[in-house]
Amino acid sequence: MSGFPMRSSHHLGVDLATQVRGRSGSGVDNLSSPSCPQILQSKLCIVTVGLPARGKTYIAMKLARYLRWIGIDTKVFNVGNYRRKMFGAYQPHNFYHPDNKEGVDKRTECAMKALGDVINYLNLENGQVAVFDATNTTRERRRLIAQKCQDSLVEVFYIEMICDDKELIAENVKAVKLTSPDYEGIDDDEAIADFSQRLKNYETAYEPLDEGYDRDRSWVKLADVNQTIMANQILNHLQSRLVYFLMNLHIKKRNIYICRHGESEFNVQGRVGGDSDLSERGKEFAIKLAKFIHDKNIPDLKVWTSQLKRSMQTAAYLNMESEAWKSLCELDAGACDALTYGEIQEKFPEEFAHRDQDKYNYRYPRGESYADLVHRLEPVIMELERQESVLVICHQSVMRCLLAYFTDKEHTELSYIQCPLHTVLKLIPKAYVCEEERYEIDVQAVDTYRPKPKVTDVSRTNEEALETLLQQS
């Protein structure tokens, strides 16, 4: 690595994929989801608890996105959406008063309709986890939910959001509630006054989860943006993973920059994987990337790379401390490593066809699948959720997996996300979405994207197998 200034520490990430590798090809054994290895003993309903404007829907959506990313079919059922559909968007604050019998009956009707859909999703539509997103602030409401779930053989796990920080609550009201359909077309001051009274109505009837009364239930309390976390009766592996995920979340403003390494010698030759050096254009990109990052003047920026040369060499020109993660290394192509697609077709035509049939689940002989890679990257995601500003210099498959998490892509889309060389993506996580900005650094590079061919049958010709490559040349 002479010629590349280098200052980095090595992150001793465990290569978890080695624990789950199995047969290659597209057989049944290969199609089990290694990213979610038998962690569901039964169907699960996650029930949010808490006053309005405490971040329940934010947590619900984050959890659902995380669970879908690791391969668990998950859906959010927001009771507020049912109420808007059944009785209209705007309801005055007295609709939410605990002494308003008509309002209580209507809100209960909405909750039971949503809960019925939860049960149907889990037991009839092969869903695995449902998130029941509502205030659920009374013991009677939670008892009713628990009873209906128990009757349907569904586990219940409660997540209570507590926040007494008035400034944070006010920020949440302005950022989320005033833009909701509930107050569409209503003056901001009037909307804030109405919502403030709605909050008081909920506070009147609020019964928090209690260590004594709810000692036999599974729950976690998150207080004041995760400054305090309390967990009770965590009974299985999935619940423990959920608690760990929640412990890593924060709502501070942050930016995540992700790019691939500069063009490598193997990129120029059309070879997959390997551990080659940067090409001359790759070095030029590294120099311009350093200028791009320094011009941004990002405070407390952390730089993460893989432990492969092309990633660390790209970071070297930044002249900053960097952390090299084993978990960020490129997908392991096993027996196909360092081969061109033409050579893979020549040596392993059936394997090449199986990969085109199901690219996400296909595992290279003695290598990895995208599902394995998602499993390997889970610690990276946990750490990214903890951080504020990070630059990740990684690889095509890794970048696809990270983008799929933040932008909530289906597994069928993940393995075909376009991540061109010499392009930097800036991700800006917001309450319910992740905004994306794209910066193309002005250095030419080869196109390494291979679209899915039309013909994926094992009996296809060489021309059909390499069709999309021939179209690019």
Foldseek 3Di string as FASTA:
>chain_A
DPPFFFFEAADEFDLCLVVQDDDFFQDPSLQDQPLDPPFAPAAAEEEEAEFPLLQQVLLQLLVCLVCLLSPAFEEEQELLVLLCVPPNQADFLVLLAPVPVVSVVSSVVSLVVSLVVVLCCVPPVVHRYYYHGDHCFAPVSVVVSCVVCVVSVYAYEYEYGAEPPPVSSVVSCVVPVCPDSRQPPHDPVVSVVRVVSSRVSSVVRGDDDDCPVCQVHWYWYAYHFNPDIDTHCQDGDVSVVSVLLSNLAGADWAKEKEAAFFAFPLQVVQFPADQGARDPLSLVLLLLVLVVVVVVVDPPEAEEEAPGRRGSSSPSNNVDYYYHYPLQADWWQAPRHRHHLLVCCVPPLSSLLSCLVPVQSGAHGRTGGLSSSSSSCPVVVSVVNNDGHYYYHGHDSSVLSVCCSQAVDRSVCSVQDQRFHQKMWMWTDHSNHIDIDIDHDPGDHDGNHADRFPDRDSPDDSCSSCVRVVVVD
